[in-house]
Amino acid sequence: MRLTCPHCGTRDLREFTYGGAALERPTGDWGPAWDAYVHLRENPAGASFEWWQHDVCATWLKVDRDTRTHVISQVTEARA
């Protein structure tokens, strides 16, 4: 699998670190929503959004990838 870094171009997967599923964080204090966010994760087959970091330039990316085929439809730079 190859990912495209907006700064460095298309690179081999070995240059990236997986950061997990790109889930929306709950707001507010600790409670059931935060417990579910931290502990209860689905593992669906199909389209998913994931965080990846390019180790060379330390850029965080949001990747839209199909987990069945590993086809990447979109890579965008993660912004704070």
PDB file of N, CA and C in Angstrom:
ATOM      1  N   MET A   1       0.854  -1.166   0.000  1.00  0.00           N
ATOM      2  CA  MET A   1       0.000   0.000   0.000  1.00  0.00           C
ATOM      3  C   MET A   1       0.903   1.233   0.000  1.00  0.00           C
ATOM      4  N   ARG A   2       0.466   2.269  -0.708  1.00  0.00           N
ATOM      5  CA  ARG A   2       1.212   3.512  -0.782  1.00  0.00           C
ATOM      6  C   ARG A   2       0.278   4.659  -0.408  1.00  0.00           C
ATOM      7  N   LEU A   3       0.824   5.615   0.350  1.00  0.00           N
ATOM      8  CA  LEU A   3       0.068   6.803   0.736  1.00  0.00           C
ATOM      9  C   LEU A   3       0.745   8.030   0.131  1.00  0.00           C
ATOM     10  N   THR A   4      -0.055   9.056  -0.116  1.00  0.00           N
ATOM     11  CA  THR A   4       0.481  10.288  -0.682  1.00  0.00           C
ATOM     12  C   THR A   4       0.517  11.375   0.377  1.00  0.00           C
ATOM     13  N   CYS A   5       1.716  11.779   0.734  1.00  0.00           N
ATOM     14  CA  CYS A   5       1.906  12.883   1.677  1.00  0.00           C
ATOM     15  C   CYS A   5       1.807  14.181   0.884  1.00  0.00           C
ATOM     16  N   PRO A   6       1.054  15.184   1.369  1.00  0.00           N
ATOM     17  CA  PRO A   6       0.940  16.438   0.635  1.00  0.00           C
ATOM     18  C   PRO A   6       2.272  17.178   0.495  1.00  0.00           C
ATOM     19  N   HIS A   7       3.248  16.869   1.346  1.00  0.00           N
ATOM     20  CA  HIS A   7       4.539  17.556   1.308  1.00  0.00           C
ATOM     21  C   HIS A   7       5.619  16.759   0.579  1.00  0.00           C
ATOM     22  N   CYS A   8       5.559  15.424   0.683  1.00  0.00           N
ATOM     23  CA  CYS A   8       6.645  14.584   0.168  1.00  0.00           C
ATOM     24  C   CYS A   8       6.260  13.735  -1.036  1.00  0.00           C
ATOM     25  N   GLY A   9       4.972  13.685  -1.373  1.00  0.00           N
ATOM     26  CA  GLY A   9       4.532  12.874  -2.506  1.00  0.00           C
ATOM     27  C   GLY A   9       4.170  11.457  -2.095  1.00  0.00           C
ATOM     28  N   THR A  10       4.026  10.585  -3.078  1.00  0.00           N
ATOM     29  CA  THR A  10       3.619   9.202  -2.842  1.00  0.00           C
ATOM     30  C   THR A  10       4.777   8.419  -2.254  1.00  0.00           C
ATOM     31  N   ARG A  11       4.486   7.726  -1.140  1.00  0.00           N
ATOM     32  CA  ARG A  11       5.508   6.982  -0.408  1.00  0.00           C
ATOM     33  C   ARG A  11       4.990   5.598  -0.024  1.00  0.00           C
ATOM     34  N   ASP A  12       5.931   4.707   0.263  1.00  0.00           N
ATOM     35  CA  ASP A  12       5.597   3.362   0.712  1.00  0.00           C
ATOM     36  C   ASP A  12       5.044   3.407   2.133  1.00  0.00           C
ATOM     37  N   LEU A  13       4.204   2.461   2.448  1.00  0.00           N
ATOM     38  CA  LEU A  13       3.557   2.394   3.760  1.00  0.00           C
ATOM     39  C   LEU A  13       4.557   2.329   4.908  1.00  0.00           C
ATOM     40  N   ARG A  14       5.742   1.813   4.665  1.00  0.00           N
ATOM     41  CA  ARG A  14       6.752   1.687   5.732  1.00  0.00           C
ATOM     42  C   ARG A  14       7.189   3.030   6.302  1.00  0.00           C
ATOM     43  N   GLU A  15       6.912   4.132   5.589  1.00  0.00           N
ATOM     44  CA  GLU A  15       7.275   5.462   6.082  1.00  0.00           C
ATOM     45  C   GLU A  15       6.197   6.084   6.965  1.00  0.00           C
ATOM     46  N   PHE A  16       5.102   5.367   7.197  1.00  0.00           N
ATOM     47  CA  PHE A  16       3.965   5.908   7.931  1.00  0.00           C
ATOM     48  C   PHE A  16       3.680   5.088   9.181  1.00  0.00           C
ATOM     49  N   THR A  17       3.077   5.748  10.168  1.00  0.00           N
ATOM     50  CA  THR A  17       2.631   5.088  11.389  1.00  0.00           C
ATOM     51  C   THR A  17       1.123   5.246  11.483  1.00  0.00           C
ATOM     52  N   TYR A  18       0.434   4.128  11.725  1.00  0.00           N
ATOM     53  CA  TYR A  18      -1.023   4.135  11.860  1.00  0.00           C
ATOM     54  C   TYR A  18      -1.410   4.783  13.181  1.00  0.00           C
ATOM     55  N   GLY A  19      -2.367   5.703  13.127  1.00  0.00           N
ATOM     56  CA  GLY A  19      -2.778   6.414  14.331  1.00  0.00           C
ATOM     57  C   GLY A  19      -4.158   6.057  14.831  1.00  0.00           C
ATOM     58  N   GLY A  20      -4.832   5.141  14.147  1.00  0.00           N
ATOM     59  CA  GLY A  20      -6.153   4.718  14.591  1.00  0.00           C
ATOM     60  C   GLY A  20      -7.275   5.279  13.735  1.00  0.00           C
ATOM     61  N   ALA A  21      -8.480   4.897  14.091  1.00  0.00           N
ATOM     62  CA  ALA A  21      -9.655   5.371  13.370  1.00  0.00           C
ATOM     63  C   ALA A  21      -9.888   6.850  13.658  1.00  0.00           C
ATOM     64  N   ALA A  22     -10.278   7.579  12.638  1.00  0.00           N
ATOM     65  CA  ALA A  22     -10.526   9.016  12.775  1.00  0.00           C
ATOM     66  C   ALA A  22     -11.961   9.219  13.260  1.00  0.00           C
ATOM     67  N   LEU A  23     -12.139   9.109  14.561  1.00  0.00           N
ATOM     68  CA  LEU A  23     -13.449   9.247  15.169  1.00  0.00           C
ATOM     69  C   LEU A  23     -13.634  10.650  15.723  1.00  0.00           C
ATOM     70  N   GLU A  24     -14.853  11.102  15.752  1.00  0.00           N
ATOM     71  CA  GLU A  24     -15.137  12.417  16.323  1.00  0.00           C
ATOM     72  C   GLU A  24     -15.130  12.315  17.848  1.00  0.00           C
ATOM     73  N   ARG A  25     -14.401  13.229  18.486  1.00  0.00           N
ATOM     74  CA  ARG A  25     -14.293  13.210  19.944  1.00  0.00           C
ATOM     75  C   ARG A  25     -15.559  13.755  20.588  1.00  0.00           C
ATOM     76  N   PRO A  26     -15.988  13.141  21.678  1.00  0.00           N
ATOM     77  CA  PRO A  26     -17.131  13.678  22.411  1.00  0.00           C
ATOM     78  C   PRO A  26     -16.760  14.997  23.094  1.00  0.00           C
ATOM     79  N   THR A  27     -17.754  15.793  23.400  1.00  0.00           N
ATOM     80  CA  THR A  27     -17.516  17.040  24.123  1.00  0.00           C
ATOM     81  C   THR A  27     -17.883  16.848  25.594  1.00  0.00           C
ATOM     82  N   GLY A  28     -17.434  17.760  26.415  1.00  0.00           N
ATOM     83  CA  GLY A  28     -17.805  17.714  27.830  1.00  0.00           C
ATOM     84  C   GLY A  28     -16.881  16.853  28.655  1.00  0.00           C
ATOM     85  N   ASP A  29     -17.292  16.676  29.904  1.00  0.00           N
ATOM     86  CA  ASP A  29     -16.514  15.902  30.862  1.00  0.00           C
ATOM     87  C   ASP A  29     -16.674  14.410  30.636  1.00  0.00           C
ATOM     88  N   TRP A  30     -15.866  13.656  31.387  1.00  0.00           N
ATOM     89  CA  TRP A  30     -15.909  12.202  31.283  1.00  0.00           C
ATOM     90  C   TRP A  30     -17.307  11.696  31.587  1.00  0.00           C
ATOM     91  N   GLY A  31     -17.780  10.760  30.790  1.00  0.00           N
ATOM     92  CA  GLY A  31     -19.088  10.161  30.985  1.00  0.00           C
ATOM     93  C   GLY A  31     -19.263   9.015  30.014  1.00  0.00           C
ATOM     94  N   PRO A  32     -20.496   8.555  29.806  1.00  0.00           N
ATOM     95  CA  PRO A  32     -20.743   7.423  28.915  1.00  0.00           C
ATOM     96  C   PRO A  32     -20.242   7.641  27.482  1.00  0.00           C
ATOM     97  N   ALA A  33     -20.352   8.876  26.976  1.00  0.00           N
ATOM     98  CA  ALA A  33     -19.895   9.143  25.611  1.00  0.00           C
ATOM     99  C   ALA A  33     -18.378   8.968  25.502  1.00  0.00           C
ATOM    100  N   TRP A  34     -17.639   9.444  26.508  1.00  0.00           N
ATOM    101  CA  TRP A  34     -16.188   9.287  26.500  1.00  0.00           C
ATOM    102  C   TRP A  34     -15.799   7.828  26.710  1.00  0.00           C
ATOM    103  N   ASP A  35     -16.516   7.121  27.568  1.00  0.00           N
ATOM    104  CA  ASP A  35     -16.242   5.708  27.793  1.00  0.00           C
ATOM    105  C   ASP A  35     -16.392   4.929  26.487  1.00  0.00           C
ATOM    106  N   ALA A  36     -17.448   5.206  25.744  1.00  0.00           N
ATOM    107  CA  ALA A  36     -17.662   4.534  24.461  1.00  0.00           C
ATOM    108  C   ALA A  36     -16.575   4.908  23.461  1.00  0.00           C
ATOM    109  N   TYR A  37     -16.176   6.174  23.449  1.00  0.00           N
ATOM    110  CA  TYR A  37     -15.137   6.643  22.526  1.00  0.00           C
ATOM    111  C   TYR A  37     -13.809   5.924  22.773  1.00  0.00           C
ATOM    112  N   VAL A  38     -13.464   5.740  24.037  1.00  0.00           N
ATOM    113  CA  VAL A  38     -12.186   5.136  24.391  1.00  0.00           C
ATOM    114  C   VAL A  38     -12.214   3.615  24.277  1.00  0.00           C
ATOM    115  N   HIS A  39     -13.315   2.980  24.684  1.00  0.00           N
ATOM    116  CA  HIS A  39     -13.319   1.527  24.849  1.00  0.00           C
ATOM    117  C   HIS A  39     -14.129   0.742  23.826  1.00  0.00           C
ATOM    118  N   LEU A  40     -15.134   1.328  23.236  1.00  0.00           N
ATOM    119  CA  LEU A  40     -16.022   0.576  22.352  1.00  0.00           C
ATOM    120  C   LEU A  40     -15.794   0.988  20.905  1.00  0.00           C
ATOM    121  N   ARG A  41     -15.095   0.169  20.166  1.00  0.00           N
ATOM    122  CA  ARG A  41     -14.799   0.469  18.769  1.00  0.00           C
ATOM    123  C   ARG A  41     -15.403  -0.591  17.864  1.00  0.00           C
ATOM    124  N   GLU A  42     -15.989  -0.127  16.779  1.00  0.00           N
ATOM    125  CA  GLU A  42     -16.474  -1.053  15.768  1.00  0.00           C
ATOM    126  C   GLU A  42     -15.336  -1.347  14.807  1.00  0.00           C
ATOM    127  N   ASN A  43     -15.431  -2.459  14.123  1.00  0.00           N
ATOM    128  CA  ASN A  43     -14.432  -2.833  13.131  1.00  0.00           C
ATOM    129  C   ASN A  43     -15.153  -3.186  11.833  1.00  0.00           C
ATOM    130  N   PRO A  44     -15.766  -2.180  11.187  1.00  0.00           N
ATOM    131  CA  PRO A  44     -16.572  -2.481  10.008  1.00  0.00           C
ATOM    132  C   PRO A  44     -15.703  -2.765   8.786  1.00  0.00           C
ATOM    133  N   ALA A  45     -16.193  -3.634   7.928  1.00  0.00           N
ATOM    134  CA  ALA A  45     -15.540  -3.866   6.645  1.00  0.00           C
ATOM    135  C   ALA A  45     -16.077  -2.827   5.673  1.00  0.00           C
ATOM    136  N   GLY A  46     -15.176  -2.165   4.971  1.00  0.00           N
ATOM    137  CA  GLY A  46     -15.601  -1.160   4.006  1.00  0.00           C
ATOM    138  C   GLY A  46     -14.911   0.166   4.242  1.00  0.00           C
ATOM    139  N   ALA A  47     -15.587   1.228   3.844  1.00  0.00           N
ATOM    140  CA  ALA A  47     -15.006   2.568   3.921  1.00  0.00           C
ATOM    141  C   ALA A  47     -14.758   2.979   5.364  1.00  0.00           C
ATOM    142  N   SER A  48     -13.575   3.546   5.607  1.00  0.00           N
ATOM    143  CA  SER A  48     -13.246   4.031   6.938  1.00  0.00           C
ATOM    144  C   SER A  48     -12.317   5.233   6.819  1.00  0.00           C
ATOM    145  N   PHE A  49     -12.333   6.083   7.847  1.00  0.00           N
ATOM    146  CA  PHE A  49     -11.406   7.212   7.944  1.00  0.00           C
ATOM    147  C   PHE A  49     -10.389   6.870   9.018  1.00  0.00           C
ATOM    148  N   GLU A  50      -9.117   7.080   8.701  1.00  0.00           N
ATOM    149  CA  GLU A  50      -8.039   6.703   9.613  1.00  0.00           C
ATOM    150  C   GLU A  50      -7.012   7.828   9.720  1.00  0.00           C
ATOM    151  N   TRP A  51      -6.323   7.866  10.863  1.00  0.00           N
ATOM    152  CA  TRP A  51      -5.203   8.788  11.051  1.00  0.00           C
ATOM    153  C   TRP A  51      -3.912   8.048  10.742  1.00  0.00           C
ATOM    154  N   TRP A  52      -3.035   8.676   9.968  1.00  0.00           N
ATOM    155  CA  TRP A  52      -1.705   8.149   9.681  1.00  0.00           C
ATOM    156  C   TRP A  52      -0.723   9.301   9.831  1.00  0.00           C
ATOM    157  N   GLN A  53       0.476   9.019  10.327  1.00  0.00           N
ATOM    158  CA  GLN A  53       1.509  10.044  10.411  1.00  0.00           C
ATOM    159  C   GLN A  53       2.671   9.658   9.503  1.00  0.00           C
ATOM    160  N   HIS A  54       3.098  10.631   8.678  1.00  0.00           N
ATOM    161  CA  HIS A  54       4.280  10.411   7.853  1.00  0.00           C
ATOM    162  C   HIS A  54       5.505  10.654   8.726  1.00  0.00           C
ATOM    163  N   ASP A  55       6.272   9.614   8.970  1.00  0.00           N
ATOM    164  CA  ASP A  55       7.396   9.685   9.898  1.00  0.00           C
ATOM    165  C   ASP A  55       8.492  10.632   9.432  1.00  0.00           C
ATOM    166  N   VAL A  56       8.649  10.803   8.127  1.00  0.00           N
ATOM    167  CA  VAL A  56       9.732  11.618   7.587  1.00  0.00           C
ATOM    168  C   VAL A  56       9.520  13.098   7.896  1.00  0.00           C
ATOM    169  N   CYS A  57       8.294  13.602   7.666  1.00  0.00           N
ATOM    170  CA  CYS A  57       8.044  15.037   7.865  1.00  0.00           C
ATOM    171  C   CYS A  57       7.105  15.316   9.040  1.00  0.00           C
ATOM    172  N   ALA A  58       6.678  14.278   9.750  1.00  0.00           N
ATOM    173  CA  ALA A  58       5.826  14.372  10.946  1.00  0.00           C
ATOM    174  C   ALA A  58       4.446  14.957  10.659  1.00  0.00           C
ATOM    175  N   THR A  59       3.984  14.854   9.429  1.00  0.00           N
ATOM    176  CA  THR A  59       2.659  15.352   9.065  1.00  0.00           C
ATOM    177  C   THR A  59       1.601  14.303   9.373  1.00  0.00           C
ATOM    178  N   TRP A  60       0.514  14.728  10.037  1.00  0.00           N
ATOM    179  CA  TRP A  60      -0.622  13.844  10.288  1.00  0.00           C
ATOM    180  C   TRP A  60      -1.581  13.927   9.113  1.00  0.00           C
ATOM    181  N   LEU A  61      -2.076  12.771   8.687  1.00  0.00           N
ATOM    182  CA  LEU A  61      -2.966  12.678   7.533  1.00  0.00           C
ATOM    183  C   LEU A  61      -4.264  11.997   7.926  1.00  0.00           C
ATOM    184  N   LYS A  62      -5.343  12.416   7.301  1.00  0.00           N
ATOM    185  CA  LYS A  62      -6.620  11.719   7.428  1.00  0.00           C
ATOM    186  C   LYS A  62      -6.833  10.970   6.115  1.00  0.00           C
ATOM    187  N   VAL A  63      -6.928   9.653   6.209  1.00  0.00           N
ATOM    188  CA  VAL A  63      -6.985   8.795   5.029  1.00  0.00           C
ATOM    189  C   VAL A  63      -8.355   8.139   4.938  1.00  0.00           C
ATOM    190  N   ASP A  64      -8.981   8.245   3.772  1.00  0.00           N
ATOM    191  CA  ASP A  64     -10.242   7.565   3.478  1.00  0.00           C
ATOM    192  C   ASP A  64      -9.875   6.286   2.726  1.00  0.00           C
ATOM    193  N   ARG A  65     -10.033   5.138   3.405  1.00  0.00           N
ATOM    194  CA  ARG A  65      -9.567   3.862   2.862  1.00  0.00           C
ATOM    195  C   ARG A  65     -10.649   2.797   2.991  1.00  0.00           C
ATOM    196  N   ASP A  66     -10.739   1.936   1.991  1.00  0.00           N
ATOM    197  CA  ASP A  66     -11.642   0.786   2.049  1.00  0.00           C
ATOM    198  C   ASP A  66     -10.874  -0.362   2.686  1.00  0.00           C
ATOM    199  N   THR A  67     -11.318  -0.844   3.831  1.00  0.00           N
ATOM    200  CA  THR A  67     -10.589  -1.883   4.562  1.00  0.00           C
ATOM    201  C   THR A  67     -10.654  -3.252   3.886  1.00  0.00           C
ATOM    202  N   ARG A  68     -11.602  -3.438   2.960  1.00  0.00           N
ATOM    203  CA  ARG A  68     -11.678  -4.719   2.255  1.00  0.00           C
ATOM    204  C   ARG A  68     -10.660  -4.797   1.128  1.00  0.00           C
ATOM    205  N   THR A  69     -10.482  -3.704   0.397  1.00  0.00           N
ATOM    206  CA  THR A  69      -9.625  -3.705  -0.789  1.00  0.00           C
ATOM    207  C   THR A  69      -8.340  -2.904  -0.609  1.00  0.00           C
ATOM    208  N   HIS A  70      -8.241  -2.115   0.441  1.00  0.00           N
ATOM    209  CA  HIS A  70      -7.123  -1.209   0.716  1.00  0.00           C
ATOM    210  C   HIS A  70      -7.009  -0.090  -0.315  1.00  0.00           C
ATOM    211  N   VAL A  71      -8.065   0.148  -1.066  1.00  0.00           N
ATOM    212  CA  VAL A  71      -8.075   1.252  -2.019  1.00  0.00           C
ATOM    213  C   VAL A  71      -8.244   2.552  -1.252  1.00  0.00           C
ATOM    214  N   ILE A  72      -7.364   3.493  -1.518  1.00  0.00           N
ATOM    215  CA  ILE A  72      -7.395   4.797  -0.850  1.00  0.00           C
ATOM    216  C   ILE A  72      -8.070   5.792  -1.788  1.00  0.00           C
ATOM    217  N   SER A  73      -9.163   6.389  -1.329  1.00  0.00           N
ATOM    218  CA  SER A  73      -9.892   7.326  -2.176  1.00  0.00           C
ATOM    219  C   SER A  73      -9.510   8.759  -1.913  1.00  0.00           C
ATOM    220  N   GLN A  74      -8.983   9.061  -0.707  1.00  0.00           N
ATOM    221  CA  GLN A  74      -8.621  10.446  -0.415  1.00  0.00           C
ATOM    222  C   GLN A  74      -7.624  10.502   0.744  1.00  0.00           C
ATOM    223  N   VAL A  75      -6.641  11.393   0.623  1.00  0.00           N
ATOM    224  CA  VAL A  75      -5.686  11.669   1.698  1.00  0.00           C
ATOM    225  C   VAL A  75      -5.649  13.184   1.866  1.00  0.00           C
ATOM    226  N   THR A  76      -5.932  13.647   3.082  1.00  0.00           N
ATOM    227  CA  THR A  76      -5.873  15.074   3.358  1.00  0.00           C
ATOM    228  C   THR A  76      -5.012  15.308   4.594  1.00  0.00           C
ATOM    229  N   GLU A  77      -4.399  16.480   4.642  1.00  0.00           N
ATOM    230  CA  GLU A  77      -3.598  16.820   5.813  1.00  0.00           C
ATOM    231  C   GLU A  77      -4.540  17.150   6.968  1.00  0.00           C
ATOM    232  N   ALA A  78      -4.239  16.584   8.133  1.00  0.00           N
ATOM    233  CA  ALA A  78      -5.051  16.848   9.322  1.00  0.00           C
ATOM    234  C   ALA A  78      -4.686  18.223   9.862  1.00  0.00           C
ATOM    235  N   ARG A  79      -5.676  19.012  10.113  1.00  0.00           N
ATOM    236  CA  ARG A  79      -5.458  20.364  10.643  1.00  0.00           C
ATOM    237  C   ARG A  79      -6.100  20.464  12.007  1.00  0.00           C
ATOM    238  N   ALA A  80      -5.464  21.184  12.883  1.00  0.00           N
ATOM    239  CA  ALA A  80      -6.003  21.371  14.240  1.00  0.00           C
ATOM    240  C   ALA A  80      -7.202  22.289  14.242  1.00  0.00           C
TER     241      ALA A  80
END
